[in-house]
Amino acid sequence: MNRETIKKQVHQFISDNSFSNADEISDNTLIFKEGYLDSMGFITLITFLEDTFEVKTDDRDFIEENFESIDAICNYVQQKLSVSA
Protein backbone atom coordinates (compact mmCIF):
# COMPACT_ATOMS: atom_id res chain seq x y z
CA MET A 1 0.00 0.00 0.00
CA ASN A 2 1.48 3.34 -0.97
CA ARG A 3 1.94 6.38 1.26
CA GLU A 4 -0.64 8.54 -0.52
CA THR A 5 -3.35 5.91 -0.07
CA ILE A 6 -2.57 5.61 3.63
CA LYS A 7 -2.44 9.38 4.04
CA LYS A 8 -5.78 9.87 2.27
CA GLN A 9 -7.56 7.27 4.41
CA VAL A 10 -6.08 8.58 7.68
CA HIS A 11 -6.91 12.17 6.75
CA GLN A 12 -10.51 11.20 5.97
CA PHE A 13 -10.81 9.28 9.24
CA ILE A 14 -9.54 12.23 11.30
CA SER A 15 -11.75 14.68 9.45
CA ASP A 16 -14.83 12.47 9.92
CA ASN A 17 -14.17 11.76 13.58
CA SER A 18 -13.25 15.28 14.61
CA PHE A 19 -16.23 16.76 12.75
CA SER A 20 -13.81 19.24 11.19
CA ASN A 21 -13.49 20.52 7.68
CA ALA A 22 -10.89 18.37 5.92
CA ASP A 23 -9.16 21.52 4.64
CA GLU A 24 -8.36 22.56 8.23
CA ILE A 25 -6.17 19.50 8.81
CA SER A 26 -2.79 19.34 7.10
CA ASP A 27 -0.36 16.46 7.03
CA ASN A 28 1.65 17.97 9.89
CA THR A 29 -1.23 19.26 12.04
CA LEU A 30 -0.75 18.11 15.64
CA ILE A 31 -4.09 16.36 15.85
CA PHE A 32 -4.13 15.81 19.62
CA LYS A 33 -2.42 19.00 20.77
CA GLU A 34 -4.70 21.06 18.55
CA GLY A 35 -7.80 19.24 19.81
CA TYR A 36 -8.93 17.38 16.70
CA LEU A 37 -8.96 14.07 18.59
CA ASP A 38 -9.04 13.29 22.31
CA SER A 39 -8.28 10.11 24.27
CA MET A 40 -11.42 8.37 23.01
CA GLY A 41 -10.51 9.48 19.50
CA PHE A 42 -7.11 7.89 20.01
CA ILE A 43 -8.67 4.53 20.83
CA THR A 44 -10.89 4.81 17.77
CA LEU A 45 -7.85 5.75 15.66
CA ILE A 46 -5.95 2.66 16.82
CA THR A 47 -8.91 0.43 15.99
CA PHE A 48 -9.21 2.10 12.58
CA LEU A 49 -5.52 1.56 11.82
CA GLU A 50 -5.60 -2.07 12.91
CA ASP A 51 -8.77 -2.84 10.93
CA THR A 52 -7.99 -0.83 7.81
CA PHE A 53 -4.30 -1.57 7.37
CA GLU A 54 -4.21 -4.92 9.18
CA VAL A 55 -1.44 -3.85 11.55
CA LYS A 56 -1.06 -4.90 15.17
CA THR A 57 -0.31 -2.13 17.65
CA ASP A 58 1.97 -3.19 20.49
CA ASP A 59 2.24 -1.47 23.88
CA ARG A 60 5.68 -0.12 22.95
CA ASP A 61 4.12 1.65 19.95
CA PHE A 62 2.06 3.98 22.15
CA ILE A 63 4.36 6.97 21.97
CA GLU A 64 3.36 10.45 20.88
CA GLU A 65 5.75 10.51 17.94
CA ASN A 66 3.85 7.70 16.20
CA PHE A 67 0.46 9.41 16.27
CA GLU A 68 0.95 13.17 16.57
CA SER A 69 0.13 14.00 12.93
CA ILE A 70 -1.03 12.43 9.69
CA ASP A 71 2.59 12.24 8.51
CA ALA A 72 3.61 10.49 11.74
CA ILE A 73 0.72 8.03 11.46
CA CYS A 74 1.64 7.26 7.84
CA ASN A 75 5.25 6.62 8.85
CA TYR A 76 4.05 4.35 11.64
CA VAL A 77 1.71 2.36 9.38
CA GLN A 78 4.36 1.99 6.68
CA GLN A 79 6.87 0.79 9.26
CA LYS A 80 4.39 -1.77 10.63
CA LEU A 81 3.52 -2.96 7.12
CA SER A 82 7.19 -3.38 6.17
CA VAL A 83 7.84 -5.45 9.30
CA SER A 84 4.90 -7.76 8.62
CA ALA A 85 5.75 -8.19 4.91
Foldseek 3Di string as FASTA:
>chain_A
DDLVVQLVVLLVLLCVQLVHDSVVADQQAQCDVVPSDHPVSVVVSQVCLCVVLVFDDDPVNPDSQCPRGSNSVSVNSVVRVVVVD
